[in-house]
Amino acid sequence: GADGQKAHPTQKPEALLYRVILSTTKPGDVILDPFF
């Protein structure tokens, strides 16, 4: 954030989402994240 502190307390690593998406979707698929 503007104060230099983490903007979100539970931000997940992008590597985790990369693996989830690579494993269970195809290019062009629609992914919904209700807690963005």
Full PDB file with SEQRES, HELIX, SHEET, SSBOND, CRYST1, ORIGX, SCALE, CONECT and MASTER records, all heavy atoms in Angstrom:
SEQRES   1 A   36  GLY ALA ASP GLY GLN LYS ALA HIS PRO THR GLN LYS PRO          
SEQRES   2 A   36  GLU ALA LEU LEU TYR ARG VAL ILE LEU SER THR THR LYS          
SEQRES   3 A   36  PRO GLY ASP VAL ILE LEU ASP PRO PHE PHE                      
HELIX    1 AA1 GLU A   14  THR A   24  1                                  11    
CRYST1    1.000    1.000    1.000  90.00  90.00  90.00 P 1           1          
ORIGX1      1.000000  0.000000  0.000000        0.00000                         
ORIGX2      0.000000  1.000000  0.000000        0.00000                         
ORIGX3      0.000000  0.000000  1.000000        0.00000                         
SCALE1      1.000000  0.000000  0.000000        0.00000                         
SCALE2      0.000000  1.000000  0.000000        0.00000                         
SCALE3      0.000000  0.000000  1.000000        0.00000                         
ATOM      1  N   GLY A   1       0.824  -1.194   0.000  1.00  0.00           N  
ATOM      2  CA  GLY A   1       0.000   0.000   0.000  1.00  0.00           C  
ATOM      3  C   GLY A   1       0.863   1.251   0.000  1.00  0.00           C  
ATOM      4  O   GLY A   1       2.101   1.184  -0.044  1.00  0.00           O  
ATOM      5  N   ALA A   2       0.214   2.401   0.079  1.00  0.00           N  
ATOM      6  CA  ALA A   2       0.941   3.677   0.069  1.00  0.00           C  
ATOM      7  C   ALA A   2       1.861   3.810   1.276  1.00  0.00           C  
ATOM      8  O   ALA A   2       2.882   4.517   1.218  1.00  0.00           O  
ATOM      9  CB  ALA A   2      -0.053   4.831   0.028  1.00  0.00           C  
ATOM     10  N   ASP A   3       1.532   3.118   2.366  1.00  0.00           N  
ATOM     11  CA  ASP A   3       2.354   3.188   3.581  1.00  0.00           C  
ATOM     12  C   ASP A   3       3.509   2.190   3.555  1.00  0.00           C  
ATOM     13  O   ASP A   3       4.264   2.081   4.534  1.00  0.00           O  
ATOM     14  CB  ASP A   3       1.488   2.943   4.814  1.00  0.00           C  
ATOM     15  CG  ASP A   3       0.763   1.589   4.782  1.00  0.00           C  
ATOM     16  OD1 ASP A   3       0.943   0.835   3.793  1.00  0.00           O  
ATOM     17  OD2 ASP A   3       0.022   1.284   5.740  1.00  0.00           O  
ATOM     18  N   GLY A   4       3.654   1.452   2.462  1.00  0.00           N  
ATOM     19  CA  GLY A   4       4.741   0.484   2.366  1.00  0.00           C  
ATOM     20  C   GLY A   4       4.434  -0.849   3.004  1.00  0.00           C  
ATOM     21  O   GLY A   4       5.249  -1.775   2.934  1.00  0.00           O  
ATOM     22  N   GLN A   5       3.257  -0.986   3.620  1.00  0.00           N  
ATOM     23  CA  GLN A   5       2.857  -2.245   4.248  1.00  0.00           C  
ATOM     24  C   GLN A   5       2.080  -3.097   3.244  1.00  0.00           C  
ATOM     25  O   GLN A   5       1.565  -2.589   2.247  1.00  0.00           O  
ATOM     26  CB  GLN A   5       1.987  -1.964   5.476  1.00  0.00           C  
ATOM     27  CG  GLN A   5       2.678  -1.118   6.539  1.00  0.00           C  
ATOM     28  CD  GLN A   5       3.938  -1.763   7.065  1.00  0.00           C  
ATOM     29  OE1 GLN A   5       3.922  -2.927   7.475  1.00  0.00           O  
ATOM     30  NE2 GLN A   5       5.043  -1.028   7.070  1.00  0.00           N  
ATOM     31  N   LYS A   6       1.994  -4.404   3.531  1.00  0.00           N  
ATOM     32  CA  LYS A   6       1.293  -5.286   2.600  1.00  0.00           C  
ATOM     33  C   LYS A   6      -0.158  -4.844   2.450  1.00  0.00           C  
ATOM     34  O   LYS A   6      -0.839  -4.528   3.427  1.00  0.00           O  
ATOM     35  CB  LYS A   6       1.395  -6.729   3.053  1.00  0.00           C  
ATOM     36  CG  LYS A   6       0.853  -7.042   4.444  1.00  0.00           C  
ATOM     37  CD  LYS A   6       1.186  -8.478   4.830  1.00  0.00           C  
ATOM     38  CE  LYS A   6       0.668  -8.828   6.224  1.00  0.00           C  
ATOM     39  NZ  LYS A   6       1.046 -10.187   6.635  1.00  0.00           N  
ATOM     40  N   ALA A   7      -0.611  -4.833   1.196  1.00  0.00           N  
ATOM     41  CA  ALA A   7      -1.951  -4.336   0.906  1.00  0.00           C  
ATOM     42  C   ALA A   7      -3.039  -5.316   1.308  1.00  0.00           C  
ATOM     43  O   ALA A   7      -4.165  -4.914   1.617  1.00  0.00           O  
ATOM     44  CB  ALA A   7      -2.070  -4.007  -0.581  1.00  0.00           C  
ATOM     45  N   HIS A   8      -2.726  -6.613   1.292  1.00  0.00           N  
ATOM     46  CA  HIS A   8      -3.710  -7.646   1.625  1.00  0.00           C  
ATOM     47  C   HIS A   8      -3.037  -8.666   2.532  1.00  0.00           C  
ATOM     48  O   HIS A   8      -1.934  -9.137   2.242  1.00  0.00           O  
ATOM     49  CB  HIS A   8      -4.213  -8.320   0.347  1.00  0.00           C  
ATOM     50  CG  HIS A   8      -5.439  -9.152   0.540  1.00  0.00           C  
ATOM     51  ND1 HIS A   8      -5.439 -10.353   1.213  1.00  0.00           N  
ATOM     52  CD2 HIS A   8      -6.731  -8.949   0.143  1.00  0.00           C  
ATOM     53  CE1 HIS A   8      -6.657 -10.863   1.225  1.00  0.00           C  
ATOM     54  NE2 HIS A   8      -7.468 -10.046   0.582  1.00  0.00           N  
ATOM     55  N   PRO A   9      -3.683  -9.053   3.631  1.00  0.00           N  
ATOM     56  CA  PRO A   9      -3.015  -9.931   4.599  1.00  0.00           C  
ATOM     57  C   PRO A   9      -2.826 -11.363   4.136  1.00  0.00           C  
ATOM     58  O   PRO A   9      -1.966 -12.074   4.660  1.00  0.00           O  
ATOM     59  CB  PRO A   9      -3.936  -9.869   5.819  1.00  0.00           C  
ATOM     60  CG  PRO A   9      -5.288  -9.560   5.244  1.00  0.00           C  
ATOM     61  CD  PRO A   9      -5.018  -8.640   4.089  1.00  0.00           C  
ATOM     62  N   THR A  10      -3.629 -11.823   3.167  1.00  0.00           N  
ATOM     63  CA  THR A  10      -3.554 -13.238   2.770  1.00  0.00           C  
ATOM     64  C   THR A  10      -3.327 -13.396   1.266  1.00  0.00           C  
ATOM     65  O   THR A  10      -3.857 -14.315   0.644  1.00  0.00           O  
ATOM     66  CB  THR A  10      -4.828 -14.002   3.185  1.00  0.00           C  
ATOM     67  OG1 THR A  10      -5.962 -13.454   2.490  1.00  0.00           O  
ATOM     68  CG2 THR A  10      -5.055 -13.921   4.679  1.00  0.00           C  
ATOM     69  N   GLN A  11      -2.531 -12.501   0.678  1.00  0.00           N  
ATOM     70  CA  GLN A  11      -2.239 -12.612  -0.758  1.00  0.00           C  
ATOM     71  C   GLN A  11      -1.561 -13.943  -1.057  1.00  0.00           C  
ATOM     72  O   GLN A  11      -0.581 -14.322  -0.422  1.00  0.00           O  
ATOM     73  CB  GLN A  11      -1.331 -11.456  -1.195  1.00  0.00           C  
ATOM     74  CG  GLN A  11      -0.962 -11.492  -2.668  1.00  0.00           C  
ATOM     75  CD  GLN A  11       0.011 -10.377  -3.045  1.00  0.00           C  
ATOM     76  OE1 GLN A  11       0.140  -9.369  -2.347  1.00  0.00           O  
ATOM     77  NE2 GLN A  11       0.728 -10.566  -4.149  1.00  0.00           N  
ATOM     78  N   LYS A  12      -2.087 -14.662  -2.027  1.00  0.00           N  
ATOM     79  CA  LYS A  12      -1.536 -15.965  -2.392  1.00  0.00           C  
ATOM     80  C   LYS A  12      -0.430 -15.803  -3.443  1.00  0.00           C  
ATOM     81  O   LYS A  12      -0.451 -14.874  -4.247  1.00  0.00           O  
ATOM     82  CB  LYS A  12      -2.635 -16.876  -2.954  1.00  0.00           C  
ATOM     83  CG  LYS A  12      -3.719 -17.207  -1.941  1.00  0.00           C  
ATOM     84  CD  LYS A  12      -3.159 -17.888  -0.705  1.00  0.00           C  
ATOM     85  CE  LYS A  12      -4.229 -18.274   0.295  1.00  0.00           C  
ATOM     86  NZ  LYS A  12      -4.804 -17.115   1.017  1.00  0.00           N  
ATOM     87  N   PRO A  13       0.548 -16.708  -3.439  1.00  0.00           N  
ATOM     88  CA  PRO A  13       1.615 -16.640  -4.450  1.00  0.00           C  
ATOM     89  C   PRO A  13       1.070 -16.942  -5.843  1.00  0.00           C  
ATOM     90  O   PRO A  13       0.228 -17.836  -6.005  1.00  0.00           O  
ATOM     91  CB  PRO A  13       2.608 -17.711  -3.990  1.00  0.00           C  
ATOM     92  CG  PRO A  13       1.786 -18.671  -3.187  1.00  0.00           C  
ATOM     93  CD  PRO A  13       0.731 -17.849  -2.515  1.00  0.00           C  
ATOM     94  N   GLU A  14       1.535 -16.204  -6.827  1.00  0.00           N  
ATOM     95  CA  GLU A  14       1.047 -16.416  -8.182  1.00  0.00           C  
ATOM     96  C   GLU A  14       1.408 -17.813  -8.687  1.00  0.00           C  
ATOM     97  O   GLU A  14       0.690 -18.392  -9.504  1.00  0.00           O  
ATOM     98  CB  GLU A  14       1.612 -15.350  -9.124  1.00  0.00           C  
ATOM     99  CG  GLU A  14       0.919 -15.321 -10.466  1.00  0.00           C  
ATOM    100  CD  GLU A  14       1.280 -14.106 -11.296  1.00  0.00           C  
ATOM    101  OE1 GLU A  14       1.505 -13.028 -10.719  1.00  0.00           O  
ATOM    102  OE2 GLU A  14       1.334 -14.244 -12.546  1.00  0.00           O  
ATOM    103  N   ALA A  15       2.513 -18.386  -8.189  1.00  0.00           N  
ATOM    104  CA  ALA A  15       2.900 -19.743  -8.609  1.00  0.00           C  
ATOM    105  C   ALA A  15       1.816 -20.762  -8.268  1.00  0.00           C  
ATOM    106  O   ALA A  15       1.603 -21.734  -9.002  1.00  0.00           O  
ATOM    107  CB  ALA A  15       4.216 -20.141  -7.951  1.00  0.00           C  
ATOM    108  N   LEU A  16       1.129 -20.559  -7.151  1.00  0.00           N  
ATOM    109  CA  LEU A  16       0.054 -21.477  -6.748  1.00  0.00           C  
ATOM    110  C   LEU A  16      -1.096 -21.401  -7.746  1.00  0.00           C  
ATOM    111  O   LEU A  16      -1.616 -22.436  -8.203  1.00  0.00           O  
ATOM    112  CB  LEU A  16      -0.430 -21.122  -5.348  1.00  0.00           C  
ATOM    113  CG  LEU A  16      -1.533 -22.003  -4.759  1.00  0.00           C  
ATOM    114  CD1 LEU A  16      -1.015 -23.407  -4.488  1.00  0.00           C  
ATOM    115  CD2 LEU A  16      -2.088 -21.393  -3.476  1.00  0.00           C  
ATOM    116  N   LEU A  17      -1.491 -20.187  -8.120  1.00  0.00           N  
ATOM    117  CA  LEU A  17      -2.597 -20.033  -9.079  1.00  0.00           C  
ATOM    118  C   LEU A  17      -2.181 -20.475 -10.474  1.00  0.00           C  
ATOM    119  O   LEU A  17      -3.003 -21.014 -11.235  1.00  0.00           O  
ATOM    120  CB  LEU A  17      -3.054 -18.585  -9.089  1.00  0.00           C  
ATOM    121  CG  LEU A  17      -4.164 -18.211  -8.094  1.00  0.00           C  
ATOM    122  CD1 LEU A  17      -5.445 -18.987  -8.397  1.00  0.00           C  
ATOM    123  CD2 LEU A  17      -3.753 -18.466  -6.656  1.00  0.00           C  
ATOM    124  N   TYR A  18      -0.938 -20.262 -10.816  1.00  0.00           N  
ATOM    125  CA  TYR A  18      -0.426 -20.719 -12.126  1.00  0.00           C  
ATOM    126  C   TYR A  18      -0.630 -22.227 -12.249  1.00  0.00           C  
ATOM    127  O   TYR A  18      -1.113 -22.722 -13.265  1.00  0.00           O  
ATOM    128  CB  TYR A  18       1.057 -20.363 -12.230  1.00  0.00           C  
ATOM    129  CG  TYR A  18       1.692 -20.626 -13.572  1.00  0.00           C  
ATOM    130  CD1 TYR A  18       1.905 -19.599 -14.482  1.00  0.00           C  
ATOM    131  CD2 TYR A  18       2.124 -21.902 -13.934  1.00  0.00           C  
ATOM    132  CE1 TYR A  18       2.512 -19.827 -15.720  1.00  0.00           C  
ATOM    133  CE2 TYR A  18       2.716 -22.155 -15.160  1.00  0.00           C  
ATOM    134  CZ  TYR A  18       2.921 -21.106 -16.049  1.00  0.00           C  
ATOM    135  OH  TYR A  18       3.517 -21.349 -17.263  1.00  0.00           O  
ATOM    136  N   ARG A  19      -0.290 -22.963 -11.201  1.00  0.00           N  
ATOM    137  CA  ARG A  19      -0.422 -24.421 -11.256  1.00  0.00           C  
ATOM    138  C   ARG A  19      -1.884 -24.848 -11.298  1.00  0.00           C  
ATOM    139  O   ARG A  19      -2.253 -25.768 -12.037  1.00  0.00           O  
ATOM    140  CB  ARG A  19       0.286 -25.068 -10.061  1.00  0.00           C  
ATOM    141  CG  ARG A  19       0.322 -26.580 -10.153  1.00  0.00           C  
ATOM    142  CD  ARG A  19       1.150 -27.211  -9.048  1.00  0.00           C  
ATOM    143  NE  ARG A  19       2.562 -26.850  -9.135  1.00  0.00           N  
ATOM    144  CZ  ARG A  19       3.499 -27.294  -8.298  1.00  0.00           C  
ATOM    145  NH1 ARG A  19       3.162 -28.121  -7.309  1.00  0.00           N  
ATOM    146  NH2 ARG A  19       4.759 -26.923  -8.440  1.00  0.00           N  
ATOM    147  N   VAL A  20      -2.726 -24.208 -10.515  1.00  0.00           N  
ATOM    148  CA  VAL A  20      -4.154 -24.518 -10.526  1.00  0.00           C  
ATOM    149  C   VAL A  20      -4.747 -24.308 -11.919  1.00  0.00           C  
ATOM    150  O   VAL A  20      -5.459 -25.159 -12.456  1.00  0.00           O  
ATOM    151  CB  VAL A  20      -4.900 -23.647  -9.488  1.00  0.00           C  
ATOM    152  CG1 VAL A  20      -6.409 -23.681  -9.724  1.00  0.00           C  
ATOM    153  CG2 VAL A  20      -4.587 -24.097  -8.072  1.00  0.00           C  
ATOM    154  N   ILE A  21      -4.423 -23.160 -12.517  1.00  0.00           N  
ATOM    155  CA  ILE A  21      -5.004 -22.811 -13.821  1.00  0.00           C  
ATOM    156  C   ILE A  21      -4.424 -23.688 -14.922  1.00  0.00           C  
ATOM    157  O   ILE A  21      -5.155 -24.161 -15.805  1.00  0.00           O  
ATOM    158  CB  ILE A  21      -4.762 -21.314 -14.108  1.00  0.00           C  
ATOM    159  CG1 ILE A  21      -5.598 -20.464 -13.139  1.00  0.00           C  
ATOM    160  CG2 ILE A  21      -5.099 -20.966 -15.550  1.00  0.00           C  
ATOM    161  CD1 ILE A  21      -5.275 -18.987 -13.174  1.00  0.00           C  
ATOM    162  N   LEU A  22      -3.112 -23.920 -14.892  1.00  0.00           N  
ATOM    163  CA  LEU A  22      -2.490 -24.764 -15.903  1.00  0.00           C  
ATOM    164  C   LEU A  22      -3.060 -26.179 -15.867  1.00  0.00           C  
ATOM    165  O   LEU A  22      -3.240 -26.817 -16.897  1.00  0.00           O  
ATOM    166  CB  LEU A  22      -0.975 -24.807 -15.693  1.00  0.00           C  
ATOM    167  CG  LEU A  22      -0.165 -25.549 -16.762  1.00  0.00           C  
ATOM    168  CD1 LEU A  22      -0.166 -24.763 -18.070  1.00  0.00           C  
ATOM    169  CD2 LEU A  22       1.267 -25.784 -16.286  1.00  0.00           C  
ATOM    170  N   SER A  23      -3.367 -26.662 -14.677  1.00  0.00           N  
ATOM    171  CA  SER A  23      -3.784 -28.058 -14.527  1.00  0.00           C  
ATOM    172  C   SER A  23      -5.241 -28.294 -14.864  1.00  0.00           C  
ATOM    173  O   SER A  23      -5.599 -29.395 -15.303  1.00  0.00           O  
ATOM    174  CB  SER A  23      -3.501 -28.541 -13.101  1.00  0.00           C  
ATOM    175  OG  SER A  23      -4.244 -27.795 -12.157  1.00  0.00           O  
ATOM    176  N   THR A  24      -6.104 -27.294 -14.695  1.00  0.00           N  
ATOM    177  CA  THR A  24      -7.541 -27.576 -14.763  1.00  0.00           C  
ATOM    178  C   THR A  24      -8.329 -26.630 -15.669  1.00  0.00           C  
ATOM    179  O   THR A  24      -9.560 -26.545 -15.540  1.00  0.00           O  
ATOM    180  CB  THR A  24      -8.153 -27.574 -13.346  1.00  0.00           C  
ATOM    181  OG1 THR A  24      -7.829 -26.338 -12.684  1.00  0.00           O  
ATOM    182  CG2 THR A  24      -7.617 -28.733 -12.519  1.00  0.00           C  
ATOM    183  N   THR A  25      -7.647 -25.926 -16.577  1.00  0.00           N  
ATOM    184  CA  THR A  25      -8.357 -25.112 -17.566  1.00  0.00           C  
ATOM    185  C   THR A  25      -7.664 -25.215 -18.913  1.00  0.00           C  
ATOM    186  O   THR A  25      -6.538 -25.711 -19.018  1.00  0.00           O  
ATOM    187  CB  THR A  25      -8.415 -23.623 -17.172  1.00  0.00           C  
ATOM    188  OG1 THR A  25      -7.087 -23.083 -17.142  1.00  0.00           O  
ATOM    189  CG2 THR A  25      -9.087 -23.417 -15.837  1.00  0.00           C  
ATOM    190  N   LYS A  26      -8.333 -24.698 -19.930  1.00  0.00           N  
ATOM    191  CA  LYS A  26      -7.789 -24.600 -21.279  1.00  0.00           C  
ATOM    192  C   LYS A  26      -7.718 -23.127 -21.672  1.00  0.00           C  
ATOM    193  O   LYS A  26      -8.482 -22.307 -21.138  1.00  0.00           O  
ATOM    194  CB  LYS A  26      -8.667 -25.366 -22.274  1.00  0.00           C  
ATOM    195  CG  LYS A  26      -8.832 -26.839 -21.959  1.00  0.00           C  
ATOM    196  CD  LYS A  26      -9.686 -27.561 -22.991  1.00  0.00           C  
ATOM    197  CE  LYS A  26     -11.132 -27.132 -22.936  1.00  0.00           C  
ATOM    198  NZ  LYS A  26     -11.848 -27.561 -21.732  1.00  0.00           N  
ATOM    199  N   PRO A  27      -6.846 -22.759 -22.599  1.00  0.00           N  
ATOM    200  CA  PRO A  27      -6.814 -21.368 -23.068  1.00  0.00           C  
ATOM    201  C   PRO A  27      -8.198 -20.919 -23.518  1.00  0.00           C  
ATOM    202  O   PRO A  27      -8.923 -21.656 -24.184  1.00  0.00           O  
ATOM    203  CB  PRO A  27      -5.829 -21.416 -24.243  1.00  0.00           C  
ATOM    204  CG  PRO A  27      -4.901 -22.539 -23.899  1.00  0.00           C  
ATOM    205  CD  PRO A  27      -5.778 -23.574 -23.237  1.00  0.00           C  
ATOM    206  N   GLY A  28      -8.567 -19.699 -23.102  1.00  0.00           N  
ATOM    207  CA  GLY A  28      -9.876 -19.168 -23.455  1.00  0.00           C  
ATOM    208  C   GLY A  28     -10.969 -19.473 -22.461  1.00  0.00           C  
ATOM    209  O   GLY A  28     -12.059 -18.887 -22.530  1.00  0.00           O  
ATOM    210  N   ASP A  29     -10.732 -20.379 -21.505  1.00  0.00           N  
ATOM    211  CA  ASP A  29     -11.725 -20.679 -20.479  1.00  0.00           C  
ATOM    212  C   ASP A  29     -11.985 -19.453 -19.610  1.00  0.00           C  
ATOM    213  O   ASP A  29     -11.130 -18.574 -19.466  1.00  0.00           O  
ATOM    214  CB  ASP A  29     -11.255 -21.831 -19.585  1.00  0.00           C  
ATOM    215  CG  ASP A  29     -11.510 -23.201 -20.200  1.00  0.00           C  
ATOM    216  OD1 ASP A  29     -12.098 -23.261 -21.291  1.00  0.00           O  
ATOM    217  OD2 ASP A  29     -11.099 -24.205 -19.585  1.00  0.00           O  
ATOM    218  N   VAL A  30     -13.171 -19.421 -18.992  1.00  0.00           N  
ATOM    219  CA  VAL A  30     -13.549 -18.342 -18.083  1.00  0.00           C  
ATOM    220  C   VAL A  30     -13.366 -18.810 -16.648  1.00  0.00           C  
ATOM    221  O   VAL A  30     -13.937 -19.827 -16.235  1.00  0.00           O  
ATOM    222  CB  VAL A  30     -15.017 -17.920 -18.305  1.00  0.00           C  
ATOM    223  CG1 VAL A  30     -15.411 -16.822 -17.315  1.00  0.00           C  
ATOM    224  CG2 VAL A  30     -15.224 -17.432 -19.740  1.00  0.00           C  
ATOM    225  N   ILE A  31     -12.566 -18.071 -15.882  1.00  0.00           N  
ATOM    226  CA  ILE A  31     -12.277 -18.398 -14.481  1.00  0.00           C  
ATOM    227  C   ILE A  31     -12.930 -17.335 -13.598  1.00  0.00           C  
ATOM    228  O   ILE A  31     -12.730 -16.136 -13.815  1.00  0.00           O  
ATOM    229  CB  ILE A  31     -10.763 -18.442 -14.224  1.00  0.00           C  
ATOM    230  CG1 ILE A  31     -10.096 -19.486 -15.128  1.00  0.00           C  
ATOM    231  CG2 ILE A  31     -10.471 -18.746 -12.759  1.00  0.00           C  
ATOM    232  CD1 ILE A  31      -8.585 -19.410 -15.132  1.00  0.00           C  
ATOM    233  N   LEU A  32     -13.674 -17.766 -12.619  1.00  0.00           N  
ATOM    234  CA  LEU A  32     -14.323 -16.859 -11.679  1.00  0.00           C  
ATOM    235  C   LEU A  32     -13.629 -16.933 -10.324  1.00  0.00           C  
ATOM    236  O   LEU A  32     -13.418 -18.023  -9.790  1.00  0.00           O  
ATOM    237  CB  LEU A  32     -15.799 -17.238 -11.521  1.00  0.00           C  
ATOM    238  CG  LEU A  32     -16.556 -16.585 -10.356  1.00  0.00           C  
ATOM    239  CD1 LEU A  32     -16.670 -15.080 -10.555  1.00  0.00           C  
ATOM    240  CD2 LEU A  32     -17.941 -17.214 -10.190  1.00  0.00           C  
ATOM    241  N   ASP A  33     -13.287 -15.769  -9.783  1.00  0.00           N  
ATOM    242  CA  ASP A  33     -12.760 -15.679  -8.418  1.00  0.00           C  
ATOM    243  C   ASP A  33     -13.687 -14.760  -7.636  1.00  0.00           C  
ATOM    244  O   ASP A  33     -13.671 -13.541  -7.824  1.00  0.00           O  
ATOM    245  CB  ASP A  33     -11.333 -15.117  -8.421  1.00  0.00           C  
ATOM    246  CG  ASP A  33     -10.703 -15.138  -7.033  1.00  0.00           C  
ATOM    247  OD1 ASP A  33     -11.461 -15.143  -6.045  1.00  0.00           O  
ATOM    248  OD2 ASP A  33      -9.466 -15.126  -6.936  1.00  0.00           O  
ATOM    249  N   PRO A  34     -14.530 -15.318  -6.753  1.00  0.00           N  
ATOM    250  CA  PRO A  34     -15.498 -14.490  -6.027  1.00  0.00           C  
ATOM    251  C   PRO A  34     -14.904 -13.720  -4.854  1.00  0.00           C  
ATOM    252  O   PRO A  34     -15.601 -12.897  -4.258  1.00  0.00           O  
ATOM    253  CB  PRO A  34     -16.532 -15.508  -5.558  1.00  0.00           C  
ATOM    254  CG  PRO A  34     -15.783 -16.794  -5.459  1.00  0.00           C  
ATOM    255  CD  PRO A  34     -14.719 -16.755  -6.508  1.00  0.00           C  
ATOM    256  N   PHE A  35     -13.650 -13.998  -4.507  1.00  0.00           N  
ATOM    257  CA  PHE A  35     -12.948 -13.286  -3.434  1.00  0.00           C  
ATOM    258  C   PHE A  35     -11.624 -12.793  -4.019  1.00  0.00           C  
ATOM    259  O   PHE A  35     -10.550 -13.288  -3.675  1.00  0.00           O  
ATOM    260  CB  PHE A  35     -12.728 -14.212  -2.233  1.00  0.00           C  
ATOM    261  CG  PHE A  35     -13.996 -14.868  -1.736  1.00  0.00           C  
ATOM    262  CD1 PHE A  35     -14.344 -16.151  -2.137  1.00  0.00           C  
ATOM    263  CD2 PHE A  35     -14.856 -14.189  -0.880  1.00  0.00           C  
ATOM    264  CE1 PHE A  35     -15.506 -16.761  -1.695  1.00  0.00           C  
ATOM    265  CE2 PHE A  35     -16.034 -14.788  -0.432  1.00  0.00           C  
ATOM    266  CZ  PHE A  35     -16.365 -16.075  -0.837  1.00  0.00           C  
ATOM    267  N   PHE A  36     -11.703 -11.823  -4.897  1.00  0.00           N  
ATOM    268  CA  PHE A  36     -10.621 -11.478  -5.811  1.00  0.00           C  
ATOM    269  C   PHE A  36      -9.407 -10.870  -5.119  1.00  0.00           C  
ATOM    270  O   PHE A  36      -8.279 -11.019  -5.584  1.00  0.00           O  
ATOM    271  CB  PHE A  36     -11.170 -10.506  -6.864  1.00  0.00           C  
ATOM    272  CG  PHE A  36     -10.371 -10.430  -8.125  1.00  0.00           C  
ATOM    273  CD1 PHE A  36     -10.046 -11.567  -8.850  1.00  0.00           C  
ATOM    274  CD2 PHE A  36      -9.958  -9.199  -8.625  1.00  0.00           C  
ATOM    275  CE1 PHE A  36      -9.337 -11.491 -10.034  1.00  0.00           C  
ATOM    276  CE2 PHE A  36      -9.240  -9.108  -9.803  1.00  0.00           C  
ATOM    277  CZ  PHE A  36      -8.936 -10.250 -10.515  1.00  0.00           C  
TER     278      PHE A  36                                                      
MASTER        0    0    0    1    0    0    0    6  277    1    0    3          
END                                                                             
